[in-house]
PDB file of N, CA and C in Angstrom:
ATOM      1  N   MET A   1       0.826  -1.197   0.000  1.00  0.00           N
ATOM      2  CA  MET A   1       0.000   0.000   0.000  1.00  0.00           C
ATOM      3  C   MET A   1       0.868   1.258   0.000  1.00  0.00           C
ATOM      4  N   LEU A   2       1.924   1.239   0.834  1.00  0.00           N
ATOM      5  CA  LEU A   2       2.770   2.425   0.909  1.00  0.00           C
ATOM      6  C   LEU A   2       3.528   2.642  -0.387  1.00  0.00           C
ATOM      7  N   ARG A   3       3.906   1.557  -1.034  1.00  0.00           N
ATOM      8  CA  ARG A   3       4.586   1.701  -2.318  1.00  0.00           C
ATOM      9  C   ARG A   3       3.630   2.301  -3.346  1.00  0.00           C
ATOM     10  N   SER A   4       2.358   1.958  -3.240  1.00  0.00           N
ATOM     11  CA  SER A   4       1.389   2.547  -4.159  1.00  0.00           C
ATOM     12  C   SER A   4       1.212   4.033  -3.865  1.00  0.00           C
ATOM     13  N   MET A   5       1.396   4.433  -2.595  1.00  0.00           N
ATOM     14  CA  MET A   5       1.352   5.859  -2.259  1.00  0.00           C
ATOM     15  C   MET A   5       2.495   6.580  -2.955  1.00  0.00           C
ATOM     16  N   SER A   6       3.674   5.962  -2.963  1.00  0.00           N
ATOM     17  CA  SER A   6       4.824   6.568  -3.628  1.00  0.00           C
ATOM     18  C   SER A   6       4.554   6.688  -5.125  1.00  0.00           C
ATOM     19  N   ALA A   7       3.994   5.642  -5.700  1.00  0.00           N
ATOM     20  CA  ALA A   7       3.664   5.683  -7.127  1.00  0.00           C
ATOM     21  C   ALA A   7       2.616   6.759  -7.395  1.00  0.00           C
ATOM     22  N   ALA A   8       1.657   6.887  -6.494  1.00  0.00           N
ATOM     23  CA  ALA A   8       0.617   7.916  -6.657  1.00  0.00           C
ATOM     24  C   ALA A   8       1.225   9.310  -6.564  1.00  0.00           C
ATOM     25  N   ALA A   9       2.169   9.489  -5.646  1.00  0.00           N
ATOM     26  CA  ALA A   9       2.825  10.794  -5.517  1.00  0.00           C
ATOM     27  C   ALA A   9       3.629  11.113  -6.771  1.00  0.00           C
ATOM     28  N   ASP A  10       4.309  10.102  -7.306  1.00  0.00           N
ATOM     29  CA  ASP A  10       5.062  10.316  -8.545  1.00  0.00           C
ATOM     30  C   ASP A  10       4.123  10.655  -9.697  1.00  0.00           C
ATOM     31  N   GLU A  11       2.989   9.959  -9.751  1.00  0.00           N
ATOM     32  CA  GLU A  11       2.006  10.227 -10.802  1.00  0.00           C
ATOM     33  C   GLU A  11       1.463  11.640 -10.670  1.00  0.00           C
ATOM     34  N   LEU A  12       1.170  12.057  -9.434  1.00  0.00           N
ATOM     35  CA  LEU A  12       0.680  13.421  -9.205  1.00  0.00           C
ATOM     36  C   LEU A  12       1.728  14.436  -9.632  1.00  0.00           C
ATOM     37  N   ALA A  13       2.977  14.183  -9.270  1.00  0.00           N
ATOM     38  CA  ALA A  13       4.051  15.096  -9.654  1.00  0.00           C
ATOM     39  C   ALA A  13       4.155  15.184 -11.173  1.00  0.00           C
ATOM     40  N   HIS A  14       4.048  14.042 -11.825  1.00  0.00           N
ATOM     41  CA  HIS A  14       4.115  14.018 -13.286  1.00  0.00           C
ATOM     42  C   HIS A  14       2.954  14.805 -13.897  1.00  0.00           C
ATOM     43  N   ARG A  15       1.765  14.610 -13.367  1.00  0.00           N
ATOM     44  CA  ARG A  15       0.594  15.336 -13.890  1.00  0.00           C
ATOM     45  C   ARG A  15       0.711  16.837 -13.665  1.00  0.00           C
ATOM     46  N   LEU A  16       1.235  17.219 -12.495  1.00  0.00           N
ATOM     47  CA  LEU A  16       1.409  18.644 -12.218  1.00  0.00           C
ATOM     48  C   LEU A  16       2.425  19.251 -13.186  1.00  0.00           C
ATOM     49  N   GLN A  17       3.481  18.506 -13.482  1.00  0.00           N
ATOM     50  CA  GLN A  17       4.470  18.997 -14.432  1.00  0.00           C
ATOM     51  C   GLN A  17       3.862  19.136 -15.826  1.00  0.00           C
ATOM     52  N   GLN A  18       3.043  18.157 -16.220  1.00  0.00           N
ATOM     53  CA  GLN A  18       2.363  18.251 -17.517  1.00  0.00           C
ATOM     54  C   GLN A  18       1.424  19.450 -17.558  1.00  0.00           C
ATOM     55  N   GLN A  19       0.676  19.626 -16.470  1.00  0.00           N
ATOM     56  CA  GLN A  19      -0.271  20.737 -16.414  1.00  0.00           C
ATOM     57  C   GLN A  19       0.474  22.064 -16.508  1.00  0.00           C
ATOM     58  N   ARG A  20       1.590  22.150 -15.840  1.00  0.00           N
ATOM     59  CA  ARG A  20       2.368  23.380 -15.857  1.00  0.00           C
ATOM     60  C   ARG A  20       2.862  23.690 -17.261  1.00  0.00           C
ATOM     61  N   GLN A  21       3.231  22.638 -17.993  1.00  0.00           N
ATOM     62  CA  GLN A  21       3.688  22.832 -19.360  1.00  0.00           C
ATOM     63  C   GLN A  21       2.536  23.272 -20.268  1.00  0.00           C
ATOM     64  N   GLN A  22       1.328  22.763 -19.996  1.00  0.00           N
ATOM     65  CA  GLN A  22       0.186  23.077 -20.845  1.00  0.00           C
ATOM     66  C   GLN A  22      -0.374  24.464 -20.559  1.00  0.00           C
ATOM     67  N   GLU A  23      -0.297  24.875 -19.344  1.00  0.00           N
ATOM     68  CA  GLU A  23      -0.854  26.178 -18.971  1.00  0.00           C
ATOM     69  C   GLU A  23       0.291  27.160 -18.771  1.00  0.00           C
ATOM     70  N   SER A  24      -0.044  28.394 -18.917  1.00  0.00           N
ATOM     71  CA  SER A  24       0.969  29.400 -18.611  1.00  0.00           C
ATOM     72  C   SER A  24       0.720  29.871 -17.177  1.00  0.00           C
ATOM     73  N   LEU A  25       1.458  29.269 -16.264  1.00  0.00           N
ATOM     74  CA  LEU A  25       1.301  29.610 -14.860  1.00  0.00           C
ATOM     75  C   LEU A  25       2.254  30.740 -14.503  1.00  0.00           C
ATOM     76  N   GLY A  26       1.838  31.517 -13.555  1.00  0.00           N
ATOM     77  CA  GLY A  26       2.695  32.575 -13.070  1.00  0.00           C
ATOM     78  C   GLY A  26       3.840  31.998 -12.249  1.00  0.00           C
ATOM     79  N   PRO A  27       4.859  32.776 -12.018  1.00  0.00           N
ATOM     80  CA  PRO A  27       6.027  32.291 -11.275  1.00  0.00           C
ATOM     81  C   PRO A  27       5.669  31.806  -9.860  1.00  0.00           C
ATOM     82  N   GLU A  28       4.732  32.493  -9.225  1.00  0.00           N
ATOM     83  CA  GLU A  28       4.346  32.109  -7.865  1.00  0.00           C
ATOM     84  C   GLU A  28       3.644  30.749  -7.871  1.00  0.00           C
ATOM     85  N   GLN A  29       2.765  30.523  -8.845  1.00  0.00           N
ATOM     86  CA  GLN A  29       2.060  29.241  -8.944  1.00  0.00           C
ATOM     87  C   GLN A  29       3.024  28.112  -9.271  1.00  0.00           C
ATOM     88  N   LYS A  30       3.997  28.361 -10.143  1.00  0.00           N
ATOM     89  CA  LYS A  30       4.994  27.343 -10.462  1.00  0.00           C
ATOM     90  C   LYS A  30       5.802  26.982  -9.222  1.00  0.00           C
ATOM     91  N   GLN A  31       6.156  27.994  -8.465  1.00  0.00           N
ATOM     92  CA  GLN A  31       6.942  27.766  -7.249  1.00  0.00           C
ATOM     93  C   GLN A  31       6.128  26.951  -6.230  1.00  0.00           C
ATOM     94  N   GLN A  32       4.850  27.252  -6.100  1.00  0.00           N
ATOM     95  CA  GLN A  32       3.995  26.507  -5.178  1.00  0.00           C
ATOM     96  C   GLN A  32       3.879  25.046  -5.597  1.00  0.00           C
ATOM     97  N   GLN A  33       3.715  24.803  -6.886  1.00  0.00           N
ATOM     98  CA  GLN A  33       3.619  23.427  -7.380  1.00  0.00           C
ATOM     99  C   GLN A  33       4.926  22.668  -7.155  1.00  0.00           C
ATOM    100  N   GLU A  34       6.046  23.311  -7.424  1.00  0.00           N
ATOM    101  CA  GLU A  34       7.336  22.661  -7.222  1.00  0.00           C
ATOM    102  C   GLU A  34       7.549  22.333  -5.748  1.00  0.00           C
ATOM    103  N   GLN A  35       7.138  23.245  -4.884  1.00  0.00           N
ATOM    104  CA  GLN A  35       7.266  22.995  -3.444  1.00  0.00           C
ATOM    105  C   GLN A  35       6.380  21.819  -3.030  1.00  0.00           C
ATOM    106  N   MET A  36       5.162  21.759  -3.569  1.00  0.00           N
ATOM    107  CA  MET A  36       4.253  20.662  -3.238  1.00  0.00           C
ATOM    108  C   MET A  36       4.835  19.333  -3.715  1.00  0.00           C
ATOM    109  N   ILE A  37       5.437  19.311  -4.873  1.00  0.00           N
ATOM    110  CA  ILE A  37       6.052  18.092  -5.392  1.00  0.00           C
ATOM    111  C   ILE A  37       7.194  17.651  -4.484  1.00  0.00           C
ATOM    112  N   ARG A  38       8.024  18.590  -4.060  1.00  0.00           N
ATOM    113  CA  ARG A  38       9.137  18.243  -3.164  1.00  0.00           C
ATOM    114  C   ARG A  38       8.617  17.677  -1.846  1.00  0.00           C
ATOM    115  N   VAL A  39       7.583  18.288  -1.301  1.00  0.00           N
ATOM    116  CA  VAL A  39       7.018  17.830  -0.032  1.00  0.00           C
ATOM    117  C   VAL A  39       6.424  16.432  -0.180  1.00  0.00           C
ATOM    118  N   LEU A  40       5.681  16.202  -1.261  1.00  0.00           N
ATOM    119  CA  LEU A  40       5.087  14.877  -1.489  1.00  0.00           C
ATOM    120  C   LEU A  40       6.156  13.797  -1.598  1.00  0.00           C
ATOM    121  N   ARG A  41       7.185  14.069  -2.352  1.00  0.00           N
ATOM    122  CA  ARG A  41       8.249  13.074  -2.515  1.00  0.00           C
ATOM    123  C   ARG A  41       8.962  12.823  -1.189  1.00  0.00           C
ATOM    124  N   SER A  42       9.208  13.875  -0.451  1.00  0.00           N
ATOM    125  CA  SER A  42       9.886  13.734   0.837  1.00  0.00           C
ATOM    126  C   SER A  42       9.055  12.896   1.807  1.00  0.00           C
ATOM    127  N   HIS A  43       7.764  13.183   1.883  1.00  0.00           N
ATOM    128  CA  HIS A  43       6.883  12.436   2.784  1.00  0.00           C
ATOM    129  C   HIS A  43       6.769  10.975   2.367  1.00  0.00           C
ATOM    130  N   CYS A  44       6.711  10.728   1.083  1.00  0.00           N
ATOM    131  CA  CYS A  44       6.636   9.339   0.605  1.00  0.00           C
ATOM    132  C   CYS A  44       7.898   8.578   0.984  1.00  0.00           C
ATOM    133  N   GLN A  45       9.047   9.208   0.871  1.00  0.00           N
ATOM    134  CA  GLN A  45      10.286   8.545   1.257  1.00  0.00           C
ATOM    135  C   GLN A  45      10.305   8.255   2.761  1.00  0.00           C
ATOM    136  N   GLN A  46       9.796   9.178   3.559  1.00  0.00           N
ATOM    137  CA  GLN A  46       9.742   8.963   5.006  1.00  0.00           C
ATOM    138  C   GLN A  46       8.815   7.806   5.344  1.00  0.00           C
ATOM    139  N   VAL A  47       7.694   7.718   4.663  1.00  0.00           N
ATOM    140  CA  VAL A  47       6.742   6.642   4.917  1.00  0.00           C
ATOM    141  C   VAL A  47       7.330   5.302   4.495  1.00  0.00           C
ATOM    142  N   LEU A  48       8.022   5.270   3.375  1.00  0.00           N
ATOM    143  CA  LEU A  48       8.579   4.016   2.869  1.00  0.00           C
ATOM    144  C   LEU A  48       9.660   3.440   3.781  1.00  0.00           C
ATOM    145  N   GLN A  49      10.298   4.279   4.581  1.00  0.00           N
ATOM    146  CA  GLN A  49      11.332   3.750   5.471  1.00  0.00           C
ATOM    147  C   GLN A  49      10.749   2.766   6.477  1.00  0.00           C
ATOM    148  N   TYR A  50       9.470   2.895   6.798  1.00  0.00           N
ATOM    149  CA  TYR A  50       8.839   1.983   7.745  1.00  0.00           C
ATOM    150  C   TYR A  50       8.535   0.629   7.122  1.00  0.00           C
ATOM    151  N   GLU A  51       8.696   0.513   5.817  1.00  0.00           N
ATOM    152  CA  GLU A  51       8.516  -0.761   5.132  1.00  0.00           C
ATOM    153  C   GLU A  51       9.799  -1.588   5.156  1.00  0.00           C
ATOM    154  N   ASP A  52      10.885  -1.015   5.628  1.00  0.00           N
ATOM    155  CA  ASP A  52      12.175  -1.702   5.666  1.00  0.00           C
ATOM    156  C   ASP A  52      12.119  -2.843   6.678  1.00  0.00           C
ATOM    157  N   PRO A  53      12.292  -4.101   6.236  1.00  0.00           N
ATOM    158  CA  PRO A  53      12.204  -5.250   7.146  1.00  0.00           C
ATOM    159  C   PRO A  53      13.231  -5.199   8.279  1.00  0.00           C
ATOM    160  N   VAL A  54      14.405  -4.648   8.008  1.00  0.00           N
ATOM    161  CA  VAL A  54      15.429  -4.561   9.052  1.00  0.00           C
ATOM    162  C   VAL A  54      14.969  -3.620  10.166  1.00  0.00           C
ATOM    163  N   LEU A  55      14.434  -2.457   9.779  1.00  0.00           N
ATOM    164  CA  LEU A  55      13.936  -1.513  10.788  1.00  0.00           C
ATOM    165  C   LEU A  55      12.756  -2.096  11.561  1.00  0.00           C
ATOM    166  N   GLN A  56      11.879  -2.811  10.863  1.00  0.00           N
ATOM    167  CA  GLN A  56      10.745  -3.441  11.544  1.00  0.00           C
ATOM    168  C   GLN A  56      11.230  -4.453  12.572  1.00  0.00           C
ATOM    169  N   SER A  57      12.225  -5.232  12.215  1.00  0.00           N
ATOM    170  CA  SER A  57      12.775  -6.225  13.131  1.00  0.00           C
ATOM    171  C   SER A  57      13.408  -5.555  14.347  1.00  0.00           C
ATOM    172  N   GLN A  58      14.146  -4.485  14.123  1.00  0.00           N
ATOM    173  CA  GLN A  58      14.771  -3.756  15.226  1.00  0.00           C
ATOM    174  C   GLN A  58      13.717  -3.187  16.170  1.00  0.00           C
ATOM    175  N   CYS A  59      12.622  -2.697  15.628  1.00  0.00           N
ATOM    176  CA  CYS A  59      11.539  -2.159  16.462  1.00  0.00           C
ATOM    177  C   CYS A  59      10.903  -3.265  17.298  1.00  0.00           C
ATOM    178  N   ARG A  60      10.684  -4.415  16.668  1.00  0.00           N
ATOM    179  CA  ARG A  60      10.082  -5.535  17.402  1.00  0.00           C
ATOM    180  C   ARG A  60      10.975  -5.995  18.546  1.00  0.00           C
ATOM    181  N   ASP A  61      12.291  -5.885  18.354  1.00  0.00           N
ATOM    182  CA  ASP A  61      13.224  -6.270  19.417  1.00  0.00           C
ATOM    183  C   ASP A  61      13.174  -5.298  20.593  1.00  0.00           C
ATOM    184  N   LEU A  62      12.809  -4.045  20.326  1.00  0.00           N
ATOM    185  CA  LEU A  62      12.768  -3.035  21.391  1.00  0.00           C
ATOM    186  C   LEU A  62      11.441  -2.989  22.141  1.00  0.00           C
ATOM    187  N   ILE A  63      10.372  -3.349  21.458  1.00  0.00           N
ATOM    188  CA  ILE A  63       9.036  -3.240  22.048  1.00  0.00           C
ATOM    189  C   ILE A  63       8.686  -4.540  22.770  1.00  0.00           C
ATOM    190  N   PRO A  64       8.356  -4.461  24.049  1.00  0.00           N
ATOM    191  CA  PRO A  64       8.018  -5.680  24.813  1.00  0.00           C
ATOM    192  C   PRO A  64       6.592  -6.151  24.494  1.00  0.00           C
ATOM    193  N   ILE A  65       6.426  -6.746  23.326  1.00  0.00           N
ATOM    194  CA  ILE A  65       5.096  -7.118  22.842  1.00  0.00           C
ATOM    195  C   ILE A  65       4.393  -8.078  23.790  1.00  0.00           C
ATOM    196  N   ALA A  66       5.105  -9.092  24.273  1.00  0.00           N
ATOM    197  CA  ALA A  66       4.488 -10.079  25.176  1.00  0.00           C
ATOM    198  C   ALA A  66       3.994  -9.401  26.450  1.00  0.00           C
ATOM    199  N   GLU A  67       4.798  -8.494  26.983  1.00  0.00           N
ATOM    200  CA  GLU A  67       4.406  -7.776  28.210  1.00  0.00           C
ATOM    201  C   GLU A  67       3.184  -6.894  27.960  1.00  0.00           C
ATOM    202  N   LEU A  68       3.142  -6.236  26.834  1.00  0.00           N
ATOM    203  CA  LEU A  68       1.987  -5.389  26.503  1.00  0.00           C
ATOM    204  C   LEU A  68       0.724  -6.233  26.344  1.00  0.00           C
ATOM    205  N   GLU A  69       0.843  -7.367  25.655  1.00  0.00           N
ATOM    206  CA  GLU A  69      -0.320  -8.241  25.485  1.00  0.00           C
ATOM    207  C   GLU A  69      -0.805  -8.779  26.825  1.00  0.00           C
ATOM    208  N   LYS A  70       0.131  -9.120  27.700  1.00  0.00           N
ATOM    209  CA  LYS A  70      -0.229  -9.617  29.039  1.00  0.00           C
ATOM    210  C   LYS A  70      -0.994  -8.542  29.815  1.00  0.00           C
ATOM    211  N   ARG A  71      -0.482  -7.340  29.779  1.00  0.00           N
ATOM    212  CA  ARG A  71      -1.158  -6.243  30.502  1.00  0.00           C
ATOM    213  C   ARG A  71      -2.527  -5.936  29.899  1.00  0.00           C
ATOM    214  N   CYS A  72      -2.646  -6.070  28.588  1.00  0.00           N
ATOM    215  CA  CYS A  72      -3.944  -5.859  27.935  1.00  0.00           C
ATOM    216  C   CYS A  72      -4.952  -6.898  28.404  1.00  0.00           C
ATOM    217  N   SER A  73      -4.517  -8.142  28.507  1.00  0.00           N
ATOM    218  CA  SER A  73      -5.434  -9.205  28.922  1.00  0.00           C
ATOM    219  C   SER A  73      -5.852  -9.033  30.380  1.00  0.00           C
ATOM    220  N   GLN A  74      -5.055  -8.343  31.174  1.00  0.00           N
ATOM    221  CA  GLN A  74      -5.384  -8.113  32.583  1.00  0.00           C
ATOM    222  C   GLN A  74      -6.337  -6.936  32.765  1.00  0.00           C
ATOM    223  N   GLN A  75      -6.629  -6.221  31.713  1.00  0.00           N
ATOM    224  CA  GLN A  75      -7.488  -5.039  31.813  1.00  0.00           C
ATOM    225  C   GLN A  75      -8.954  -5.374  32.074  1.00  0.00           C
ATOM    226  N   ASN A  76      -9.385  -6.566  31.734  1.00  0.00           N
ATOM    227  CA  ASN A  76     -10.778  -6.980  31.959  1.00  0.00           C
ATOM    228  C   ASN A  76     -11.774  -6.006  31.330  1.00  0.00           C
ATOM    229  N   ARG A  77     -11.539  -5.678  30.084  1.00  0.00           N
ATOM    230  CA  ARG A  77     -12.427  -4.767  29.359  1.00  0.00           C
ATOM    231  C   ARG A  77     -12.750  -5.382  28.006  1.00  0.00           C
ATOM    232  N   PRO A  78     -13.641  -6.366  27.972  1.00  0.00           N
ATOM    233  CA  PRO A  78     -13.938  -7.055  26.712  1.00  0.00           C
ATOM    234  C   PRO A  78     -14.574  -6.148  25.653  1.00  0.00           C
ATOM    235  N   GLU A  79     -15.179  -5.047  26.079  1.00  0.00           N
ATOM    236  CA  GLU A  79     -15.826  -4.153  25.110  1.00  0.00           C
ATOM    237  C   GLU A  79     -14.813  -3.254  24.403  1.00  0.00           C
ATOM    238  N   CYS A  80     -13.604  -3.224  24.917  1.00  0.00           N
ATOM    239  CA  CYS A  80     -12.578  -2.330  24.393  1.00  0.00           C
ATOM    240  C   CYS A  80     -11.728  -3.056  23.346  1.00  0.00           C
ATOM    241  N   PRO A  81     -11.606  -2.498  22.135  1.00  0.00           N
ATOM    242  CA  PRO A  81     -10.779  -3.128  21.103  1.00  0.00           C
ATOM    243  C   PRO A  81      -9.309  -3.199  21.526  1.00  0.00           C
ATOM    244  N   LEU A  82      -8.602  -4.163  20.985  1.00  0.00           N
ATOM    245  CA  LEU A  82      -7.210  -4.394  21.355  1.00  0.00           C
ATOM    246  C   LEU A  82      -6.344  -3.156  21.132  1.00  0.00           C
ATOM    247  N   LYS A  83      -6.550  -2.453  20.034  1.00  0.00           N
ATOM    248  CA  LYS A  83      -5.743  -1.262  19.764  1.00  0.00           C
ATOM    249  C   LYS A  83      -5.913  -0.220  20.866  1.00  0.00           C
ATOM    250  N   GLU A  84      -7.130  -0.049  21.325  1.00  0.00           N
ATOM    251  CA  GLU A  84      -7.378   0.924  22.391  1.00  0.00           C
ATOM    252  C   GLU A  84      -6.753   0.458  23.702  1.00  0.00           C
ATOM    253  N   LEU A  85      -6.836  -0.840  23.973  1.00  0.00           N
ATOM    254  CA  LEU A  85      -6.199  -1.368  25.178  1.00  0.00           C
ATOM    255  C   LEU A  85      -4.691  -1.157  25.138  1.00  0.00           C
ATOM    256  N   LEU A  86      -4.096  -1.391  23.981  1.00  0.00           N
ATOM    257  CA  LEU A  86      -2.653  -1.174  23.851  1.00  0.00           C
ATOM    258  C   LEU A  86      -2.289   0.279  24.138  1.00  0.00           C
ATOM    259  N   ILE A  87      -3.086   1.187  23.629  1.00  0.00           N
ATOM    260  CA  ILE A  87      -2.822   2.606  23.883  1.00  0.00           C
ATOM    261  C   ILE A  87      -2.936   2.912  25.372  1.00  0.00           C
ATOM    262  N   LEU A  88      -3.970   2.377  26.016  1.00  0.00           N
ATOM    263  CA  LEU A  88      -4.137   2.612  27.451  1.00  0.00           C
ATOM    264  C   LEU A  88      -2.961   2.048  28.250  1.00  0.00           C
ATOM    265  N   VAL A  89      -2.515   0.861  27.901  1.00  0.00           N
ATOM    266  CA  VAL A  89      -1.393   0.241  28.610  1.00  0.00           C
ATOM    267  C   VAL A  89      -0.118   1.045  28.391  1.00  0.00           C
ATOM    268  N   ILE A  90       0.135   1.444  27.163  1.00  0.00           N
ATOM    269  CA  ILE A  90       1.343   2.226  26.878  1.00  0.00           C
ATOM    270  C   ILE A  90       1.303   3.558  27.621  1.00  0.00           C
ATOM    271  N   LEU A  91       0.138   4.197  27.647  1.00  0.00           N
ATOM    272  CA  LEU A  91       0.016   5.457  28.384  1.00  0.00           C
ATOM    273  C   LEU A  91       0.250   5.259  29.879  1.00  0.00           C
ATOM    274  N   SER A  92      -0.276   4.166  30.412  1.00  0.00           N
ATOM    275  CA  SER A  92      -0.070   3.925  31.844  1.00  0.00           C
ATOM    276  C   SER A  92       1.402   3.657  32.145  1.00  0.00           C
ATOM    277  N   LEU A  93       2.117   2.989  31.230  1.00  0.00           N
ATOM    278  CA  LEU A  93       3.543   2.753  31.425  1.00  0.00           C
ATOM    279  C   LEU A  93       4.314   4.061  31.359  1.00  0.00           C
ATOM    280  N   SER A  94       3.940   4.942  30.455  1.00  0.00           N
ATOM    281  CA  SER A  94       4.653   6.212  30.334  1.00  0.00           C
ATOM    282  C   SER A  94       4.419   7.090  31.558  1.00  0.00           C
ATOM    283  N   GLN A  95       3.259   6.972  32.208  1.00  0.00           N
ATOM    284  CA  GLN A  95       2.987   7.735  33.421  1.00  0.00           C
ATOM    285  C   GLN A  95       3.817   7.202  34.597  1.00  0.00           C
ATOM    286  N   ILE A  96       4.068   5.896  34.601  1.00  0.00           N
ATOM    287  CA  ILE A  96       4.877   5.304  35.657  1.00  0.00           C
ATOM    288  C   ILE A  96       6.337   5.756  35.515  1.00  0.00           C
ATOM    289  N   ASP A  97       6.820   5.832  34.264  1.00  0.00           N
ATOM    290  CA  ASP A  97       8.210   6.203  34.006  1.00  0.00           C
ATOM    291  C   ASP A  97       8.493   7.663  34.316  1.00  0.00           C
ATOM    292  N   SER A  98       7.466   8.526  34.266  1.00  0.00           N
ATOM    293  CA  SER A  98       7.719   9.955  34.462  1.00  0.00           C
ATOM    294  C   SER A  98       7.633  10.388  35.889  1.00  0.00           C
TER     295      SER A  98
END
């Protein structure tokens, strides 16, 4: 999905460049479009770094997943989705550390 975001950003950049060539844009509008293209490409590169398997593995080694799951199961809140329980547990841990 993230790779498709990068492809979409490239496609948008390409279309903006085509549009700029077809229309006579003022210098300010050209500058705004170029800035938007740079920002899109930069953000796509930042997002794609999270797809790196090595970085994902390093993150998994740092995050105590088993401990978080254990604490979630101790919450006794069956109506609460797992993602919300994880957030609550992480927040409670951060309050203990501070």
